[in-house]
C-alpha cells in the first residue's frame, strides 16, 4: 500500500509537445524516489490534456495514498492556483476524506526555480547559444 502521493499539476495545452517538460519533470521525480519507496507521482492538467486533477487524485487515493501533496507547476500563483485549484482540491477531499490533501506553493515561487530561470536565461543569451 502506498502511503504518500505527489500530484504535479500543470495548466495544459492543445499542443501535446507542450507537456514534454512536465512529463520529464515527473519522470525525474520518480527516479529520485528510492526503489520500493511508498510514494507515487502523478501528473495532472487543468485543461486540454489528461488526466485532470480529479482523475489523477482519484488514482492516488485508490492506490492507497494517505497523504497527497499537490504541487502546482506554475511560474506564479495566479487565478488558477489561488482560486481554481483549491476548489478542485475541496472536491477531492470530499470524495476521498481518508486522504490528507495538501497544496504546496507554485514551483515558480521557489528560490530554486527562480535561480534556474536566471541561469537558463544567462546561458541562452550567450553568443555561442
N, C-alpha and C. Protein backbone atom coordinates (compact mmCIF):
# COMPACT_ATOMS: atom_id res chain seq x y z
N UNK A 1 0.84 -1.18 0.00
CA UNK A 1 0.00 0.00 0.00
C UNK A 1 0.89 1.25 0.00
N UNK A 2 0.57 2.17 -0.85
CA UNK A 2 1.29 3.43 -0.93
C UNK A 2 0.72 4.38 0.10
N UNK A 3 1.60 5.04 0.84
CA UNK A 3 1.07 5.95 1.86
C UNK A 3 1.15 7.41 1.44
N UNK A 4 1.96 7.72 0.43
CA UNK A 4 2.16 9.13 0.07
C UNK A 4 2.09 9.31 -1.44
N UNK A 5 1.52 10.44 -1.86
CA UNK A 5 1.46 10.77 -3.27
C UNK A 5 1.90 12.20 -3.50
N UNK A 6 2.51 12.42 -4.66
CA UNK A 6 2.85 13.76 -5.12
C UNK A 6 2.14 13.95 -6.44
N UNK A 7 1.27 14.95 -6.49
CA UNK A 7 0.48 15.20 -7.68
C UNK A 7 0.97 16.52 -8.29
N UNK A 8 1.68 16.41 -9.39
CA UNK A 8 2.16 17.59 -10.11
C UNK A 8 1.02 18.11 -10.97
N UNK A 9 0.77 19.40 -10.88
CA UNK A 9 -0.39 19.99 -11.54
C UNK A 9 0.04 21.10 -12.48
N UNK A 10 -0.18 20.90 -13.77
CA UNK A 10 0.20 21.87 -14.79
C UNK A 10 -1.06 22.38 -15.51
N UNK A 11 -0.90 23.44 -16.27
CA UNK A 11 -2.04 24.08 -16.93
C UNK A 11 -2.64 23.21 -18.03
N UNK A 12 -1.80 22.75 -18.94
CA UNK A 12 -2.28 22.00 -20.10
C UNK A 12 -2.35 22.89 -21.32
N UNK A 13 -2.31 22.27 -22.49
CA UNK A 13 -2.35 23.00 -23.76
C UNK A 13 -2.89 22.07 -24.84
N UNK A 14 -3.25 22.64 -25.96
CA UNK A 14 -3.76 21.83 -27.07
C UNK A 14 -2.63 21.07 -27.78
N UNK A 15 -1.42 21.62 -27.75
CA UNK A 15 -0.27 21.01 -28.40
C UNK A 15 0.34 19.96 -27.48
N UNK A 16 0.36 18.69 -27.87
CA UNK A 16 0.89 17.65 -26.99
C UNK A 16 2.37 17.83 -26.66
N UNK A 17 3.11 18.52 -27.51
CA UNK A 17 4.53 18.76 -27.22
C UNK A 17 4.73 19.66 -26.00
N UNK A 18 3.74 20.47 -25.69
CA UNK A 18 3.83 21.38 -24.55
C UNK A 18 4.07 20.60 -23.26
N UNK A 19 3.54 19.40 -23.16
CA UNK A 19 3.60 18.63 -21.91
C UNK A 19 4.95 17.96 -21.68
N UNK A 20 5.81 17.91 -22.70
CA UNK A 20 7.06 17.16 -22.56
C UNK A 20 7.91 17.57 -21.37
N UNK A 21 8.15 18.86 -21.12
CA UNK A 21 8.97 19.20 -19.94
C UNK A 21 8.33 18.77 -18.62
N UNK A 22 7.01 18.79 -18.56
CA UNK A 22 6.32 18.40 -17.34
C UNK A 22 6.38 16.89 -17.15
N UNK A 23 6.25 16.15 -18.24
CA UNK A 23 6.39 14.70 -18.17
C UNK A 23 7.82 14.33 -17.76
N UNK A 24 8.80 15.05 -18.30
CA UNK A 24 10.20 14.80 -17.92
C UNK A 24 10.42 15.11 -16.44
N UNK A 25 9.81 16.18 -15.95
CA UNK A 25 9.94 16.51 -14.52
C UNK A 25 9.33 15.41 -13.66
N UNK A 26 8.17 14.90 -14.06
CA UNK A 26 7.55 13.80 -13.31
C UNK A 26 8.44 12.56 -13.33
N UNK A 27 9.02 12.26 -14.48
CA UNK A 27 9.92 11.10 -14.58
C UNK A 27 11.15 11.28 -13.69
N UNK A 28 11.73 12.46 -13.68
CA UNK A 28 12.90 12.71 -12.84
C UNK A 28 12.55 12.61 -11.36
N UNK A 29 11.38 13.06 -10.99
CA UNK A 29 10.95 12.94 -9.60
C UNK A 29 10.78 11.47 -9.23
N UNK A 30 10.20 10.68 -10.12
CA UNK A 30 10.05 9.25 -9.87
C UNK A 30 11.42 8.59 -9.70
N UNK A 31 12.38 8.97 -10.55
CA UNK A 31 13.73 8.43 -10.46
C UNK A 31 14.38 8.79 -9.13
N UNK A 32 14.08 9.96 -8.63
CA UNK A 32 14.67 10.42 -7.37
C UNK A 32 14.20 9.58 -6.18
N UNK A 33 13.01 9.05 -6.29
CA UNK A 33 12.47 8.23 -5.21
C UNK A 33 13.17 6.89 -5.19
N UNK A 34 13.44 6.40 -4.02
CA UNK A 34 14.11 5.11 -3.89
C UNK A 34 13.20 3.99 -4.40
N UNK A 35 13.84 2.96 -4.94
CA UNK A 35 13.07 1.79 -5.40
C UNK A 35 12.33 1.22 -4.20
N UNK A 36 11.06 0.99 -4.40
CA UNK A 36 10.24 0.45 -3.32
C UNK A 36 9.73 1.52 -2.36
N UNK A 37 10.00 2.78 -2.67
CA UNK A 37 9.50 3.85 -1.79
C UNK A 37 7.98 3.82 -1.78
N UNK A 38 7.44 4.34 -0.70
CA UNK A 38 5.98 4.32 -0.58
C UNK A 38 5.37 5.62 -1.08
N UNK A 39 5.95 6.18 -2.14
CA UNK A 39 5.44 7.42 -2.73
C UNK A 39 5.18 7.22 -4.22
N UNK A 40 4.03 7.67 -4.66
CA UNK A 40 3.69 7.64 -6.08
C UNK A 40 3.64 9.07 -6.60
N UNK A 41 3.99 9.22 -7.88
CA UNK A 41 3.97 10.52 -8.53
C UNK A 41 3.00 10.46 -9.70
N UNK A 42 2.14 11.45 -9.78
CA UNK A 42 1.23 11.58 -10.91
C UNK A 42 1.32 13.01 -11.44
N UNK A 43 1.05 13.15 -12.72
CA UNK A 43 0.99 14.45 -13.38
C UNK A 43 -0.45 14.66 -13.84
N UNK A 44 -0.98 15.86 -13.58
CA UNK A 44 -2.36 16.18 -13.97
C UNK A 44 -2.38 17.56 -14.60
N UNK A 45 -3.46 17.83 -15.33
CA UNK A 45 -3.59 19.08 -16.07
C UNK A 45 -4.93 19.74 -15.77
N UNK A 46 -4.92 21.05 -15.82
CA UNK A 46 -6.14 21.83 -15.59
C UNK A 46 -7.08 21.70 -16.77
N UNK A 47 -6.54 21.80 -17.98
CA UNK A 47 -7.41 21.75 -19.16
C UNK A 47 -6.66 21.23 -20.37
N UNK A 48 -7.41 20.81 -21.37
CA UNK A 48 -6.95 20.36 -22.68
C UNK A 48 -6.24 19.00 -22.68
N UNK A 49 -5.67 18.58 -21.57
CA UNK A 49 -4.91 17.33 -21.51
C UNK A 49 -5.44 16.46 -20.38
N UNK A 50 -5.07 15.21 -20.43
CA UNK A 50 -5.47 14.32 -19.36
C UNK A 50 -4.26 13.58 -18.84
N UNK A 51 -4.37 13.14 -17.61
CA UNK A 51 -5.55 13.18 -16.75
C UNK A 51 -5.74 14.57 -16.14
N UNK A 52 -6.96 14.84 -15.72
CA UNK A 52 -7.20 16.07 -15.00
C UNK A 52 -6.93 15.81 -13.51
N UNK A 53 -7.06 16.85 -12.69
CA UNK A 53 -6.74 16.72 -11.27
C UNK A 53 -7.62 15.69 -10.58
N UNK A 54 -8.90 15.68 -10.90
CA UNK A 54 -9.81 14.71 -10.27
C UNK A 54 -9.39 13.28 -10.58
N UNK A 55 -9.06 13.02 -11.84
CA UNK A 55 -8.67 11.66 -12.25
C UNK A 55 -7.36 11.23 -11.60
N UNK A 56 -6.37 12.11 -11.62
CA UNK A 56 -5.07 11.76 -11.03
C UNK A 56 -5.19 11.62 -9.52
N UNK A 57 -5.95 12.51 -8.89
CA UNK A 57 -6.17 12.42 -7.45
C UNK A 57 -6.89 11.14 -7.08
N UNK A 58 -7.88 10.77 -7.86
CA UNK A 58 -8.62 9.52 -7.61
C UNK A 58 -7.68 8.32 -7.73
N UNK A 59 -6.81 8.33 -8.71
CA UNK A 59 -5.86 7.23 -8.88
C UNK A 59 -4.96 7.09 -7.67
N UNK A 60 -4.50 8.22 -7.13
CA UNK A 60 -3.64 8.16 -5.94
C UNK A 60 -4.42 7.68 -4.72
N UNK A 61 -5.63 8.18 -4.55
CA UNK A 61 -6.46 7.74 -3.42
C UNK A 61 -6.76 6.26 -3.51
N UNK A 62 -7.11 5.80 -4.71
CA UNK A 62 -7.45 4.39 -4.90
C UNK A 62 -6.23 3.48 -4.78
N UNK A 63 -5.02 4.06 -4.97
CA UNK A 63 -3.79 3.29 -4.78
C UNK A 63 -3.42 3.20 -3.30
N UNK A 64 -4.19 3.85 -2.45
CA UNK A 64 -3.96 3.77 -1.01
C UNK A 64 -3.16 4.90 -0.41
N UNK A 65 -2.96 5.97 -1.16
CA UNK A 65 -2.23 7.11 -0.60
C UNK A 65 -3.03 7.71 0.55
N UNK A 66 -2.35 7.95 1.64
CA UNK A 66 -2.99 8.56 2.80
C UNK A 66 -2.73 10.06 2.85
N UNK A 67 -1.65 10.49 2.21
CA UNK A 67 -1.30 11.90 2.11
C UNK A 67 -0.94 12.20 0.67
N UNK A 68 -1.49 13.27 0.13
CA UNK A 68 -1.17 13.68 -1.23
C UNK A 68 -0.84 15.18 -1.21
N UNK A 69 0.34 15.50 -1.72
CA UNK A 69 0.74 16.89 -1.86
C UNK A 69 0.57 17.29 -3.32
N UNK A 70 -0.20 18.32 -3.55
CA UNK A 70 -0.41 18.85 -4.90
C UNK A 70 0.59 19.99 -5.11
N UNK A 71 1.43 19.83 -6.13
CA UNK A 71 2.47 20.82 -6.42
C UNK A 71 2.14 21.50 -7.74
N UNK A 72 1.73 22.78 -7.70
CA UNK A 72 1.42 23.49 -8.93
C UNK A 72 2.69 23.79 -9.73
N UNK A 73 2.74 23.30 -10.96
CA UNK A 73 3.87 23.56 -11.84
C UNK A 73 3.58 24.83 -12.64
N UNK A 74 3.38 25.91 -11.90
CA UNK A 74 3.08 27.22 -12.45
C UNK A 74 4.20 28.17 -12.05
N UNK A 75 4.49 29.16 -12.90
CA UNK A 75 5.53 30.12 -12.58
C UNK A 75 5.09 31.10 -11.49
N UNK A 76 3.81 31.28 -11.34
CA UNK A 76 3.30 32.15 -10.30
C UNK A 76 1.95 31.66 -9.83
N UNK A 77 1.49 32.22 -8.73
CA UNK A 77 0.20 31.81 -8.16
C UNK A 77 -0.88 32.77 -8.63
N UNK A 78 -1.28 32.64 -9.88
CA UNK A 78 -2.37 33.44 -10.43
C UNK A 78 -3.71 32.84 -10.05
N UNK A 79 -4.73 33.22 -10.81
CA UNK A 79 -6.09 32.79 -10.51
C UNK A 79 -6.28 31.29 -10.48
N UNK A 80 -5.62 30.56 -11.37
CA UNK A 80 -5.78 29.10 -11.38
C UNK A 80 -5.30 28.48 -10.07
N UNK A 81 -4.16 28.97 -9.58
CA UNK A 81 -3.60 28.40 -8.35
C UNK A 81 -4.34 28.91 -7.12
N UNK A 82 -4.70 30.18 -7.11
CA UNK A 82 -5.34 30.76 -5.92
C UNK A 82 -6.84 30.44 -5.84
N UNK A 83 -7.51 30.28 -6.99
CA UNK A 83 -8.96 30.11 -6.96
C UNK A 83 -9.43 28.75 -7.45
N UNK A 84 -9.01 28.37 -8.66
CA UNK A 84 -9.49 27.12 -9.26
C UNK A 84 -8.99 25.88 -8.50
N UNK A 85 -7.71 25.87 -8.22
CA UNK A 85 -7.11 24.68 -7.60
C UNK A 85 -7.68 24.36 -6.22
N UNK A 86 -7.85 25.33 -5.32
CA UNK A 86 -8.46 24.99 -4.03
C UNK A 86 -9.86 24.40 -4.16
N UNK A 87 -10.64 24.86 -5.13
CA UNK A 87 -11.98 24.29 -5.34
C UNK A 87 -11.89 22.84 -5.79
N UNK A 88 -10.96 22.57 -6.72
CA UNK A 88 -10.77 21.20 -7.19
C UNK A 88 -10.29 20.29 -6.05
N UNK A 89 -9.41 20.81 -5.22
CA UNK A 89 -8.92 20.03 -4.09
C UNK A 89 -10.01 19.77 -3.06
N UNK A 90 -10.90 20.74 -2.88
CA UNK A 90 -12.02 20.55 -1.96
C UNK A 90 -12.92 19.41 -2.44
N UNK A 91 -13.10 19.32 -3.76
CA UNK A 91 -13.89 18.20 -4.32
C UNK A 91 -13.21 16.87 -4.03
N UNK A 92 -11.89 16.82 -4.20
CA UNK A 92 -11.16 15.58 -3.90
C UNK A 92 -11.28 15.22 -2.42
N UNK A 93 -11.15 16.22 -1.56
CA UNK A 93 -11.24 15.98 -0.11
C UNK A 93 -12.62 15.46 0.28
N UNK A 94 -13.63 15.96 -0.40
CA UNK A 94 -15.00 15.49 -0.11
C UNK A 94 -15.19 14.05 -0.60
N UNK A 95 -14.63 13.76 -1.77
CA UNK A 95 -14.79 12.42 -2.34
C UNK A 95 -13.89 11.39 -1.65
N UNK A 96 -12.72 11.84 -1.18
CA UNK A 96 -11.76 10.93 -0.55
C UNK A 96 -11.34 11.49 0.81
N UNK A 97 -12.24 11.45 1.79
CA UNK A 97 -11.93 12.05 3.10
C UNK A 97 -10.83 11.31 3.87
N UNK A 98 -10.52 10.09 3.48
CA UNK A 98 -9.47 9.33 4.15
C UNK A 98 -8.07 9.81 3.78
N UNK A 99 -7.99 10.69 2.76
CA UNK A 99 -6.71 11.21 2.28
C UNK A 99 -6.51 12.63 2.83
N UNK A 100 -5.30 12.89 3.29
CA UNK A 100 -4.94 14.26 3.69
C UNK A 100 -4.38 14.95 2.46
N UNK A 101 -5.10 15.95 1.96
CA UNK A 101 -4.72 16.69 0.76
C UNK A 101 -4.00 17.97 1.17
N UNK A 102 -2.84 18.22 0.59
CA UNK A 102 -2.05 19.41 0.93
C UNK A 102 -1.65 20.13 -0.35
N UNK A 103 -1.80 21.45 -0.34
CA UNK A 103 -1.41 22.26 -1.50
C UNK A 103 -0.11 22.98 -1.19
N UNK A 104 0.90 22.80 -2.05
CA UNK A 104 2.16 23.50 -1.87
C UNK A 104 2.14 24.82 -2.64
N UNK A 105 3.18 25.61 -2.46
CA UNK A 105 3.34 26.83 -3.26
C UNK A 105 3.60 26.43 -4.71
N UNK A 106 3.39 27.37 -5.60
CA UNK A 106 3.73 27.15 -7.01
C UNK A 106 5.25 27.06 -7.13
N UNK A 107 5.73 26.19 -8.00
CA UNK A 107 7.17 26.00 -8.14
C UNK A 107 7.88 27.29 -8.54
N UNK A 108 7.21 28.14 -9.29
CA UNK A 108 7.81 29.38 -9.74
C UNK A 108 8.08 30.37 -8.62
N UNK A 109 7.56 30.11 -7.45
CA UNK A 109 7.77 30.99 -6.31
C UNK A 109 8.93 30.54 -5.43
N UNK A 110 9.60 29.47 -5.82
CA UNK A 110 10.71 28.95 -5.02
C UNK A 110 12.03 29.56 -5.49
N UNK A 111 12.93 29.78 -4.55
CA UNK A 111 14.24 30.32 -4.89
C UNK A 111 14.98 29.42 -5.87
N UNK A 112 14.79 28.12 -5.73
CA UNK A 112 15.47 27.16 -6.61
C UNK A 112 15.08 27.38 -8.07
N UNK A 113 13.80 27.55 -8.34
CA UNK A 113 13.37 27.75 -9.73
C UNK A 113 13.69 29.15 -10.23
N UNK A 114 13.59 30.14 -9.37
CA UNK A 114 13.95 31.50 -9.78
C UNK A 114 15.41 31.53 -10.21
N UNK A 115 16.29 30.87 -9.45
CA UNK A 115 17.70 30.82 -9.81
C UNK A 115 17.90 30.04 -11.11
N UNK A 116 17.17 28.93 -11.28
CA UNK A 116 17.28 28.15 -12.51
C UNK A 116 16.83 28.96 -13.72
N UNK A 117 15.80 29.77 -13.57
CA UNK A 117 15.34 30.63 -14.67
C UNK A 117 16.42 31.65 -15.03
N UNK A 118 17.01 32.27 -14.02
CA UNK A 118 18.08 33.24 -14.28
C UNK A 118 19.27 32.57 -14.94
N UNK A 119 19.66 31.40 -14.45
CA UNK A 119 20.79 30.66 -15.03
C UNK A 119 20.50 30.26 -16.48
N UNK A 120 19.29 29.80 -16.74
CA UNK A 120 18.91 29.41 -18.09
C UNK A 120 18.90 30.62 -19.03
N UNK A 121 18.35 31.73 -18.56
CA UNK A 121 18.33 32.95 -19.39
C UNK A 121 19.75 33.39 -19.71
N UNK A 122 20.63 33.36 -18.72
CA UNK A 122 22.03 33.74 -18.93
C UNK A 122 22.67 32.83 -19.96
N UNK A 123 22.47 31.54 -19.81
CA UNK A 123 23.06 30.56 -20.74
C UNK A 123 22.55 30.77 -22.16
N UNK A 124 21.25 30.95 -22.31
CA UNK A 124 20.66 31.13 -23.63
C UNK A 124 21.05 32.45 -24.28
N UNK A 125 21.41 33.44 -23.48
CA UNK A 125 21.78 34.74 -24.02
C UNK A 125 23.24 34.82 -24.47
N UNK A 126 24.00 33.76 -24.22
CA UNK A 126 25.41 33.76 -24.62
C UNK A 126 25.53 33.63 -26.13
N UNK A 127 26.53 34.28 -26.73
CA UNK A 127 26.68 34.29 -28.18
C UNK A 127 26.79 32.91 -28.82
N UNK A 128 27.34 31.95 -28.12
CA UNK A 128 27.53 30.61 -28.69
C UNK A 128 26.28 29.75 -28.62
N UNK A 129 25.21 30.31 -28.12
CA UNK A 129 23.97 29.52 -27.99
C UNK A 129 23.13 29.63 -29.20
